[in-house]
Amino acid sequence: MKIAIASGKGGTGKTTISTNLAHYLSQKEQTVLVDLDVEEPNSALFIKGKLDKVYIKTRKVPFWEQQTCVLCGDCVSNCNFNAVTKLRNEIIISPQLCHSCYACSELCSSNSLPMIGLPMGVLQTFKLDNLFFIESKLDIGEEMAVPLIAQTKEFVNQNYENNIFQIYDSPPGTACPVIETLKDVDFVLLVTEPTPFGLNDLKLAVETVRELKKDFAVIINRDGVGDNEVEKYCNDENIEIAAKFPNSRKVAQLYSSGELLYNKVPEFYEQILVLEKKLKSI
């Protein structure tokens, strides 16, 4: 079962819930935690496993072979992302704009644009008892998160498909990295906070998962601050609230020290149990 823990904005508590839920589940059965917030992964701050392997990940971009090119310009017209430019007797490739769609390469009549691998980041695997933890991180200066997210998910599917739970710590927001993360999951948990900002971005996230036709439920984190507008919205939209994690100074102190919470804060542990029951009923 693939479970994505997502939100419409950053800072709502996705990583807090992802790491604690995954660590708790691993006490009973093999579990996979995947940090797909590749631009700023931070699950490793709380999952202190043993580093197993490191993989250099690449994405394919075209390379111009001048000696065979007939300068027809088809590659420019076939690129939907303005990554290929023709300047007199030269073809210019802009790797930062390339989406690795292969159109320019496959449709080149002189085979002058072979695709080559360009390093974009690393994928690391960790092991902590029954918990397998995978973290991917973009190189500094890389702008496209989607290729690394897609390759990370493919790696997980190829190597951990027999595990019962796969927990995806998703990127924030509703843009392309989130779409890539959510498109083939079984269930989405949307984490929000009971504030006007939280409600605004929750609505965007709900629209996204509904467009993707994904089953989902909402988690309210830091319950007790703000107002009750999030609960009212969920009731009006017939959205299930799967759990409510209370606002707690102790939670903030432990979290800021890189500590897990479910085994130290009884109120947090109770909600983790509620989540477990929900996931196993799907």
C-alpha atoms as a PDB file:
ATOM      1  CA  MET A   1       0.000   0.000   0.000  1.00  0.00           C
ATOM      2  CA  LYS A   2       1.376   3.383  -1.047  1.00  0.00           C
ATOM      3  CA  ILE A   3       0.407   6.219   1.298  1.00  0.00           C
ATOM      4  CA  ALA A   4       1.309   9.819   0.414  1.00  0.00           C
ATOM      5  CA  ILE A   5       1.431  12.401   3.184  1.00  0.00           C
ATOM      6  CA  ALA A   6       0.988  15.754   1.489  1.00  0.00           C
ATOM      7  CA  SER A   7      -0.219  19.313   2.069  1.00  0.00           C
ATOM      8  CA  GLY A   8      -0.992  22.492   0.193  1.00  0.00           C
ATOM      9  CA  LYS A   9       1.785  24.399   1.978  1.00  0.00           C
ATOM     10  CA  GLY A  10       5.065  23.811   3.731  1.00  0.00           C
ATOM     11  CA  GLY A  11       5.449  23.638   7.489  1.00  0.00           C
ATOM     12  CA  THR A  12       2.180  21.885   8.311  1.00  0.00           C
ATOM     13  CA  GLY A  13       3.817  18.752   9.732  1.00  0.00           C
ATOM     14  CA  LYS A  14       4.138  16.298   6.836  1.00  0.00           C
ATOM     15  CA  THR A  15       7.590  15.138   7.883  1.00  0.00           C
ATOM     16  CA  THR A  16       6.605  14.925  11.553  1.00  0.00           C
ATOM     17  CA  ILE A  17       3.720  12.607  10.765  1.00  0.00           C
ATOM     18  CA  SER A  18       5.539  10.676   8.020  1.00  0.00           C
ATOM     19  CA  THR A  19       8.544   9.814  10.161  1.00  0.00           C
ATOM     20  CA  ASN A  20       6.579   8.953  13.288  1.00  0.00           C
ATOM     21  CA  LEU A  21       3.995   6.886  11.430  1.00  0.00           C
ATOM     22  CA  ALA A  22       6.631   4.983   9.458  1.00  0.00           C
ATOM     23  CA  HIS A  23       8.781   4.318  12.524  1.00  0.00           C
ATOM     24  CA  TYR A  24       5.761   3.140  14.514  1.00  0.00           C
ATOM     25  CA  LEU A  25       4.554   0.805  11.739  1.00  0.00           C
ATOM     26  CA  SER A  26       8.052  -0.641  11.368  1.00  0.00           C
ATOM     27  CA  GLN A  27       7.855  -1.916  14.947  1.00  0.00           C
ATOM     28  CA  LYS A  28       5.246  -4.407  13.694  1.00  0.00           C
ATOM     29  CA  GLU A  29       6.090  -5.024  10.029  1.00  0.00           C
ATOM     30  CA  GLN A  30       8.510  -4.047   7.311  1.00  0.00           C
ATOM     31  CA  THR A  31       7.888  -0.478   6.217  1.00  0.00           C
ATOM     32  CA  VAL A  32       9.373   1.839   3.602  1.00  0.00           C
ATOM     33  CA  LEU A  33       9.679   5.590   4.168  1.00  0.00           C
ATOM     34  CA  VAL A  34      10.510   7.652   1.083  1.00  0.00           C
ATOM     35  CA  ASP A  35      11.419  11.342   1.333  1.00  0.00           C
ATOM     36  CA  LEU A  36      10.277  12.773  -2.006  1.00  0.00           C
ATOM     37  CA  ASP A  37      10.736  16.417  -1.035  1.00  0.00           C
ATOM     38  CA  VAL A  38      13.923  16.231  -3.078  1.00  0.00           C
ATOM     39  CA  GLU A  39      14.587  19.973  -3.031  1.00  0.00           C
ATOM     40  CA  GLU A  40      14.838  20.017   0.770  1.00  0.00           C
ATOM     41  CA  PRO A  41      14.599  16.506   2.266  1.00  0.00           C
ATOM     42  CA  ASN A  42      14.653  16.416   6.062  1.00  0.00           C
ATOM     43  CA  SER A  43      13.222  13.054   7.161  1.00  0.00           C
ATOM     44  CA  ALA A  44      16.808  11.953   7.855  1.00  0.00           C
ATOM     45  CA  LEU A  45      16.894  14.375  10.781  1.00  0.00           C
ATOM     46  CA  PHE A  46      14.518  12.033  12.596  1.00  0.00           C
ATOM     47  CA  ILE A  47      15.257   8.620  11.072  1.00  0.00           C
ATOM     48  CA  LYS A  48      18.799   7.928  12.150  1.00  0.00           C
ATOM     49  CA  GLY A  49      19.367   4.721  10.227  1.00  0.00           C
ATOM     50  CA  LYS A  50      22.561   3.180   8.905  1.00  0.00           C
ATOM     51  CA  LEU A  51      23.570   4.404   5.466  1.00  0.00           C
ATOM     52  CA  ASP A  52      23.472   1.481   3.047  1.00  0.00           C
ATOM     53  CA  LYS A  53      24.045   2.662  -0.527  1.00  0.00           C
ATOM     54  CA  VAL A  54      24.404   5.905  -2.479  1.00  0.00           C
ATOM     55  CA  TYR A  55      23.348   6.182  -6.120  1.00  0.00           C
ATOM     56  CA  ILE A  56      24.185   9.047  -8.475  1.00  0.00           C
ATOM     57  CA  LYS A  57      21.035   9.845 -10.435  1.00  0.00           C
ATOM     58  CA  THR A  58      21.046  11.365 -13.903  1.00  0.00           C
ATOM     59  CA  ARG A  59      18.505  12.688 -16.372  1.00  0.00           C
ATOM     60  CA  LYS A  60      18.721  12.496 -20.137  1.00  0.00           C
ATOM     61  CA  VAL A  61      19.404  15.643 -22.188  1.00  0.00           C
ATOM     62  CA  PRO A  62      20.359  15.996 -25.863  1.00  0.00           C
ATOM     63  CA  PHE A  63      23.950  16.461 -26.982  1.00  0.00           C
ATOM     64  CA  TRP A  64      24.566  18.210 -30.306  1.00  0.00           C
ATOM     65  CA  GLU A  65      26.867  16.356 -32.725  1.00  0.00           C
ATOM     66  CA  GLN A  66      27.958  19.103 -35.086  1.00  0.00           C
ATOM     67  CA  GLN A  67      29.631  16.890 -37.677  1.00  0.00           C
ATOM     68  CA  THR A  68      26.409  15.112 -38.679  1.00  0.00           C
ATOM     69  CA  CYS A  69      23.913  17.964 -38.178  1.00  0.00           C
ATOM     70  CA  VAL A  70      22.295  19.368 -41.339  1.00  0.00           C
ATOM     71  CA  LEU A  71      20.923  22.426 -39.464  1.00  0.00           C
ATOM     72  CA  CYS A  72      17.368  21.812 -40.639  1.00  0.00           C
ATOM     73  CA  GLY A  73      15.926  23.320 -37.465  1.00  0.00           C
ATOM     74  CA  ASP A  74      13.394  20.532 -36.867  1.00  0.00           C
ATOM     75  CA  CYS A  75      14.710  20.066 -33.320  1.00  0.00           C
ATOM     76  CA  VAL A  76      13.795  23.658 -32.488  1.00  0.00           C
ATOM     77  CA  SER A  77      10.231  23.338 -33.761  1.00  0.00           C
ATOM     78  CA  ASN A  78       9.778  19.947 -32.085  1.00  0.00           C
ATOM     79  CA  CYS A  79      10.785  21.188 -28.620  1.00  0.00           C
ATOM     80  CA  ASN A  80       7.832  22.403 -26.563  1.00  0.00           C
ATOM     81  CA  PHE A  81      10.037  23.775 -23.811  1.00  0.00           C
ATOM     82  CA  ASN A  82      12.381  26.147 -25.691  1.00  0.00           C
ATOM     83  CA  ALA A  83      15.364  24.040 -24.683  1.00  0.00           C
ATOM     84  CA  VAL A  84      16.802  23.935 -28.218  1.00  0.00           C
ATOM     85  CA  THR A  85      17.848  27.057 -30.123  1.00  0.00           C
ATOM     86  CA  LYS A  86      19.385  27.497 -33.582  1.00  0.00           C
ATOM     87  CA  LEU A  87      21.924  30.315 -34.038  1.00  0.00           C
ATOM     88  CA  ARG A  88      23.237  30.472 -37.617  1.00  0.00           C
ATOM     89  CA  ASN A  89      25.497  27.413 -37.847  1.00  0.00           C
ATOM     90  CA  GLU A  90      25.062  26.192 -34.284  1.00  0.00           C
ATOM     91  CA  ILE A  91      22.481  24.380 -32.167  1.00  0.00           C
ATOM     92  CA  ILE A  92      22.347  25.508 -28.527  1.00  0.00           C
ATOM     93  CA  ILE A  93      21.016  23.154 -25.847  1.00  0.00           C
ATOM     94  CA  SER A  94      19.700  24.580 -22.560  1.00  0.00           C
ATOM     95  CA  PRO A  95      19.728  21.614 -20.127  1.00  0.00           C
ATOM     96  CA  GLN A  96      17.877  23.597 -17.434  1.00  0.00           C
ATOM     97  CA  LEU A  97      14.841  23.855 -19.732  1.00  0.00           C
ATOM     98  CA  CYS A  98      14.965  20.290 -21.064  1.00  0.00           C
ATOM     99  CA  HIS A  99      12.171  17.958 -19.880  1.00  0.00           C
ATOM    100  CA  SER A 100      13.864  14.816 -21.250  1.00  0.00           C
ATOM    101  CA  CYS A 101      10.938  14.111 -23.584  1.00  0.00           C
ATOM    102  CA  TYR A 102      13.258  12.796 -26.357  1.00  0.00           C
ATOM    103  CA  ALA A 103      11.272  14.630 -29.083  1.00  0.00           C
ATOM    104  CA  CYS A 104      14.263  16.472 -30.525  1.00  0.00           C
ATOM    105  CA  SER A 105      16.424  13.355 -30.450  1.00  0.00           C
ATOM    106  CA  GLU A 106      13.902  10.870 -31.829  1.00  0.00           C
ATOM    107  CA  LEU A 107      12.703  13.184 -34.613  1.00  0.00           C
ATOM    108  CA  CYS A 108      16.157  14.316 -35.740  1.00  0.00           C
ATOM    109  CA  SER A 109      16.582  13.137 -39.362  1.00  0.00           C
ATOM    110  CA  SER A 110      20.395  13.036 -39.076  1.00  0.00           C
ATOM    111  CA  ASN A 111      20.547  11.492 -35.560  1.00  0.00           C
ATOM    112  CA  SER A 112      22.581  14.471 -34.407  1.00  0.00           C
ATOM    113  CA  LEU A 113      21.024  14.812 -30.953  1.00  0.00           C
ATOM    114  CA  PRO A 114      21.782  11.660 -28.935  1.00  0.00           C
ATOM    115  CA  MET A 115      20.583  11.726 -25.326  1.00  0.00           C
ATOM    116  CA  ILE A 116      23.262  11.658 -22.639  1.00  0.00           C
ATOM    117  CA  GLY A 117      23.080  11.411 -18.861  1.00  0.00           C
ATOM    118  CA  LEU A 118      23.418  14.613 -16.859  1.00  0.00           C
ATOM    119  CA  PRO A 119      23.909  14.281 -13.056  1.00  0.00           C
ATOM    120  CA  MET A 120      20.989  15.778 -11.142  1.00  0.00           C
ATOM    121  CA  GLY A 121      21.215  14.399  -7.598  1.00  0.00           C
ATOM    122  CA  VAL A 122      21.722  11.440  -5.326  1.00  0.00           C
ATOM    123  CA  LEU A 123      19.544   8.663  -3.948  1.00  0.00           C
ATOM    124  CA  GLN A 124      20.542   7.205  -0.579  1.00  0.00           C
ATOM    125  CA  THR A 125      19.197   4.141   1.204  1.00  0.00           C
ATOM    126  CA  PHE A 126      19.211   3.623   4.962  1.00  0.00           C
ATOM    127  CA  LYS A 127      18.229   0.696   7.172  1.00  0.00           C
ATOM    128  CA  LEU A 128      16.876   0.837  10.715  1.00  0.00           C
ATOM    129  CA  ASP A 129      15.590  -2.540  11.904  1.00  0.00           C
ATOM    130  CA  ASN A 130      12.376  -3.152   9.905  1.00  0.00           C
ATOM    131  CA  LEU A 131      12.347   0.357   8.470  1.00  0.00           C
ATOM    132  CA  PHE A 132      13.814   0.998   5.025  1.00  0.00           C
ATOM    133  CA  PHE A 133      14.414   4.704   4.432  1.00  0.00           C
ATOM    134  CA  ILE A 134      15.086   6.204   0.999  1.00  0.00           C
ATOM    135  CA  GLU A 135      16.124   9.826   0.566  1.00  0.00           C
ATOM    136  CA  SER A 136      16.745  11.641  -2.717  1.00  0.00           C
ATOM    137  CA  LYS A 137      18.288  15.083  -2.969  1.00  0.00           C
ATOM    138  CA  LEU A 138      18.702  17.407  -5.963  1.00  0.00           C
ATOM    139  CA  ASP A 139      22.113  18.846  -6.685  1.00  0.00           C
ATOM    140  CA  ILE A 140      22.519  22.551  -5.976  1.00  0.00           C
ATOM    141  CA  GLY A 141      21.407  24.531  -9.025  1.00  0.00           C
ATOM    142  CA  GLU A 142      19.149  21.807 -10.430  1.00  0.00           C
ATOM    143  CA  GLU A 143      15.697  23.186 -11.144  1.00  0.00           C
ATOM    144  CA  MET A 144      13.556  20.156 -12.002  1.00  0.00           C
ATOM    145  CA  ALA A 145      12.450  17.909  -9.194  1.00  0.00           C
ATOM    146  CA  VAL A 146      10.086  15.690 -11.198  1.00  0.00           C
ATOM    147  CA  PRO A 147      12.715  13.466 -12.902  1.00  0.00           C
ATOM    148  CA  LEU A 148      14.378  12.648  -9.580  1.00  0.00           C
ATOM    149  CA  ILE A 149      11.027  11.969  -7.899  1.00  0.00           C
ATOM    150  CA  ALA A 150      10.015   9.655 -10.743  1.00  0.00           C
ATOM    151  CA  GLN A 151      13.304   7.742 -10.607  1.00  0.00           C
ATOM    152  CA  THR A 152      13.066   7.436  -6.823  1.00  0.00           C
ATOM    153  CA  LYS A 153       9.570   5.962  -7.025  1.00  0.00           C
ATOM    154  CA  GLU A 154      10.744   3.552  -9.724  1.00  0.00           C
ATOM    155  CA  PHE A 155      13.638   2.485  -7.483  1.00  0.00           C
ATOM    156  CA  VAL A 156      11.239   1.829  -4.599  1.00  0.00           C
ATOM    157  CA  ASN A 157       8.866  -0.185  -6.771  1.00  0.00           C
ATOM    158  CA  GLN A 158      11.704  -2.326  -8.080  1.00  0.00           C
ATOM    159  CA  ASN A 159      13.334  -2.992  -4.718  1.00  0.00           C
ATOM    160  CA  TYR A 160      10.633  -2.901  -2.046  1.00  0.00           C
ATOM    161  CA  GLU A 161       7.430  -3.977  -3.753  1.00  0.00           C
ATOM    162  CA  ASN A 162       6.761  -6.791  -1.254  1.00  0.00           C
ATOM    163  CA  ASN A 163       6.619  -4.444   1.722  1.00  0.00           C
ATOM    164  CA  ILE A 164       3.158  -3.758   3.086  1.00  0.00           C
ATOM    165  CA  PHE A 165       3.441  -0.008   3.702  1.00  0.00           C
ATOM    166  CA  GLN A 166       5.225   2.582   1.584  1.00  0.00           C
ATOM    167  CA  ILE A 167       5.011   6.040   3.167  1.00  0.00           C
ATOM    168  CA  TYR A 168       5.763   8.961   0.836  1.00  0.00           C
ATOM    169  CA  ASP A 169       6.832  12.204   2.520  1.00  0.00           C
ATOM    170  CA  SER A 170       5.638  14.478  -0.285  1.00  0.00           C
ATOM    171  CA  PRO A 171       6.814  17.893  -1.468  1.00  0.00           C
ATOM    172  CA  PRO A 172       4.654  20.831  -0.364  1.00  0.00           C
ATOM    173  CA  GLY A 173       2.197  22.637  -2.610  1.00  0.00           C
ATOM    174  CA  THR A 174       0.225  21.501  -5.641  1.00  0.00           C
ATOM    175  CA  ALA A 175       2.738  21.873  -8.493  1.00  0.00           C
ATOM    176  CA  CYS A 176       4.345  19.256 -10.756  1.00  0.00           C
ATOM    177  CA  PRO A 177       6.489  17.557  -8.039  1.00  0.00           C
ATOM    178  CA  VAL A 178       3.345  16.857  -6.017  1.00  0.00           C
ATOM    179  CA  ILE A 179       1.453  15.559  -9.065  1.00  0.00           C
ATOM    180  CA  GLU A 180       4.322  13.169  -9.828  1.00  0.00           C
ATOM    181  CA  THR A 181       4.330  11.984  -6.215  1.00  0.00           C
ATOM    182  CA  LEU A 182       0.579  11.393  -5.960  1.00  0.00           C
ATOM    183  CA  LYS A 183      -0.321  10.012  -9.370  1.00  0.00           C
ATOM    184  CA  ASP A 184      -0.061   6.311  -8.500  1.00  0.00           C
ATOM    185  CA  VAL A 185      -0.538   6.183  -4.724  1.00  0.00           C
ATOM    186  CA  ASP A 186      -3.376   4.283  -3.057  1.00  0.00           C
ATOM    187  CA  PHE A 187      -4.336   6.907  -0.486  1.00  0.00           C
ATOM    188  CA  VAL A 188      -3.453  10.516   0.380  1.00  0.00           C
ATOM    189  CA  LEU A 189      -3.336  12.062   3.846  1.00  0.00           C
ATOM    190  CA  LEU A 190      -3.536  15.864   3.584  1.00  0.00           C
ATOM    191  CA  VAL A 191      -1.931  17.587   6.559  1.00  0.00           C
ATOM    192  CA  THR A 192      -3.170  21.031   7.449  1.00  0.00           C
ATOM    193  CA  GLU A 193      -3.313  23.415  10.390  1.00  0.00           C
ATOM    194  CA  PRO A 194      -6.396  25.228  11.764  1.00  0.00           C
ATOM    195  CA  THR A 195      -5.472  28.679  10.483  1.00  0.00           C
ATOM    196  CA  PRO A 196      -6.662  30.827   7.551  1.00  0.00           C
ATOM    197  CA  PHE A 197      -3.436  30.025   5.663  1.00  0.00           C
ATOM    198  CA  GLY A 198      -3.882  26.339   6.378  1.00  0.00           C
ATOM    199  CA  LEU A 199      -7.466  26.375   5.148  1.00  0.00           C
ATOM    200  CA  ASN A 200      -6.631  28.284   1.972  1.00  0.00           C
ATOM    201  CA  ASP A 201      -3.908  25.830   0.971  1.00  0.00           C
ATOM    202  CA  LEU A 202      -5.946  22.810   2.083  1.00  0.00           C
ATOM    203  CA  LYS A 203      -8.624  23.806  -0.432  1.00  0.00           C
ATOM    204  CA  LEU A 204      -5.998  23.851  -3.192  1.00  0.00           C
ATOM    205  CA  ALA A 205      -4.715  20.432  -2.126  1.00  0.00           C
ATOM    206  CA  VAL A 206      -8.240  18.993  -2.028  1.00  0.00           C
ATOM    207  CA  GLU A 207      -8.896  20.263  -5.559  1.00  0.00           C
ATOM    208  CA  THR A 208      -5.686  18.580  -6.685  1.00  0.00           C
ATOM    209  CA  VAL A 209      -6.364  15.137  -5.227  1.00  0.00           C
ATOM    210  CA  ARG A 210      -9.937  15.244  -6.479  1.00  0.00           C
ATOM    211  CA  GLU A 211      -8.700  16.057  -9.967  1.00  0.00           C
ATOM    212  CA  LEU A 212      -6.356  13.059  -9.683  1.00  0.00           C
ATOM    213  CA  LYS A 213      -9.310  10.959  -8.443  1.00  0.00           C
ATOM    214  CA  LYS A 214      -7.463   9.854  -5.316  1.00  0.00           C
ATOM    215  CA  ASP A 215      -9.062   8.692  -2.084  1.00  0.00           C
ATOM    216  CA  PHE A 216      -7.953  10.962   0.741  1.00  0.00           C
ATOM    217  CA  ALA A 217      -8.527  12.187   4.262  1.00  0.00           C
ATOM    218  CA  VAL A 218      -7.367  15.202   6.245  1.00  0.00           C
ATOM    219  CA  ILE A 219      -5.071  15.382   9.268  1.00  0.00           C
ATOM    220  CA  ILE A 220      -5.271  18.487  11.438  1.00  0.00           C
ATOM    221  CA  ASN A 221      -1.919  19.227  13.046  1.00  0.00           C
ATOM    222  CA  ARG A 222      -1.399  21.669  15.922  1.00  0.00           C
ATOM    223  CA  ASP A 223      -5.071  21.336  16.784  1.00  0.00           C
ATOM    224  CA  GLY A 224      -6.059  24.025  19.268  1.00  0.00           C
ATOM    225  CA  VAL A 225      -4.516  27.045  17.580  1.00  0.00           C
ATOM    226  CA  GLY A 226      -6.399  29.282  15.172  1.00  0.00           C
ATOM    227  CA  ASP A 227     -10.102  28.603  14.627  1.00  0.00           C
ATOM    228  CA  ASN A 228     -12.501  25.823  13.613  1.00  0.00           C
ATOM    229  CA  GLU A 229     -12.892  26.833   9.976  1.00  0.00           C
ATOM    230  CA  VAL A 230     -10.912  23.828   8.736  1.00  0.00           C
ATOM    231  CA  GLU A 231     -13.249  21.418  10.497  1.00  0.00           C
ATOM    232  CA  LYS A 232     -16.270  23.315   9.189  1.00  0.00           C
ATOM    233  CA  TYR A 233     -14.908  23.143   5.651  1.00  0.00           C
ATOM    234  CA  CYS A 234     -14.276  19.391   5.922  1.00  0.00           C
ATOM    235  CA  ASN A 235     -17.783  18.811   7.282  1.00  0.00           C
ATOM    236  CA  ASP A 236     -19.345  20.889   4.513  1.00  0.00           C
ATOM    237  CA  GLU A 237     -17.351  19.002   1.855  1.00  0.00           C
ATOM    238  CA  ASN A 238     -17.902  15.558   3.440  1.00  0.00           C
ATOM    239  CA  ILE A 239     -14.154  15.129   3.917  1.00  0.00           C
ATOM    240  CA  GLU A 240     -13.044  12.704   6.592  1.00  0.00           C
ATOM    241  CA  ILE A 241     -10.759  14.023   9.310  1.00  0.00           C
ATOM    242  CA  ALA A 242      -8.551  11.011   9.977  1.00  0.00           C
ATOM    243  CA  ALA A 243      -6.688  12.409  12.996  1.00  0.00           C
ATOM    244  CA  LYS A 244      -6.107  15.566  15.017  1.00  0.00           C
ATOM    245  CA  PHE A 245      -2.680  16.079  16.565  1.00  0.00           C
ATOM    246  CA  PRO A 246      -2.821  18.565  19.459  1.00  0.00           C
ATOM    247  CA  ASN A 247      -0.756  21.710  19.684  1.00  0.00           C
ATOM    248  CA  SER A 248       1.943  21.024  22.262  1.00  0.00           C
ATOM    249  CA  ARG A 249       5.021  22.817  23.531  1.00  0.00           C
ATOM    250  CA  LYS A 250       6.612  19.444  24.340  1.00  0.00           C
ATOM    251  CA  VAL A 251       6.122  18.315  20.742  1.00  0.00           C
ATOM    252  CA  ALA A 252       7.836  21.498  19.519  1.00  0.00           C
ATOM    253  CA  GLN A 253      10.768  20.965  21.870  1.00  0.00           C
ATOM    254  CA  LEU A 254      11.281  17.329  20.880  1.00  0.00           C
ATOM    255  CA  TYR A 255      10.827  18.073  17.176  1.00  0.00           C
ATOM    256  CA  SER A 256      13.389  20.889  17.252  1.00  0.00           C
ATOM    257  CA  SER A 257      15.862  18.407  18.761  1.00  0.00           C
ATOM    258  CA  GLY A 258      15.324  15.851  15.989  1.00  0.00           C
ATOM    259  CA  GLU A 259      13.421  13.432  18.225  1.00  0.00           C
ATOM    260  CA  LEU A 260      10.533  11.137  17.336  1.00  0.00           C
ATOM    261  CA  LEU A 261       7.319  11.901  19.194  1.00  0.00           C
ATOM    262  CA  TYR A 262       4.992   8.917  19.312  1.00  0.00           C
ATOM    263  CA  ASN A 263       7.051   7.120  21.967  1.00  0.00           C
ATOM    264  CA  LYS A 264       7.378  10.225  24.165  1.00  0.00           C
ATOM    265  CA  VAL A 265       4.077  12.114  23.897  1.00  0.00           C
ATOM    266  CA  PRO A 266       0.966  10.078  24.828  1.00  0.00           C
ATOM    267  CA  GLU A 267      -1.438  12.381  22.972  1.00  0.00           C
ATOM    268  CA  PHE A 268       0.627  12.018  19.797  1.00  0.00           C
ATOM    269  CA  TYR A 269       0.787   8.238  20.200  1.00  0.00           C
ATOM    270  CA  GLU A 270      -3.001   8.043  20.464  1.00  0.00           C
ATOM    271  CA  GLN A 271      -3.416   9.768  17.106  1.00  0.00           C
ATOM    272  CA  ILE A 272      -0.814   7.534  15.476  1.00  0.00           C
ATOM    273  CA  LEU A 273      -2.940   4.572  16.593  1.00  0.00           C
ATOM    274  CA  VAL A 274      -5.979   6.236  15.021  1.00  0.00           C
ATOM    275  CA  LEU A 275      -4.060   6.629  11.747  1.00  0.00           C
ATOM    276  CA  GLU A 276      -2.926   3.006  11.834  1.00  0.00           C
ATOM    277  CA  LYS A 277      -6.501   1.833  12.232  1.00  0.00           C
ATOM    278  CA  LYS A 278      -7.608   4.058   9.360  1.00  0.00           C
ATOM    279  CA  LEU A 279      -4.903   2.837   6.980  1.00  0.00           C
ATOM    280  CA  LYS A 280      -5.532  -0.807   7.739  1.00  0.00           C
ATOM    281  CA  SER A 281      -9.223  -0.361   7.029  1.00  0.00           C
ATOM    282  CA  ILE A 282      -8.649   0.902   3.495  1.00  0.00           C
END
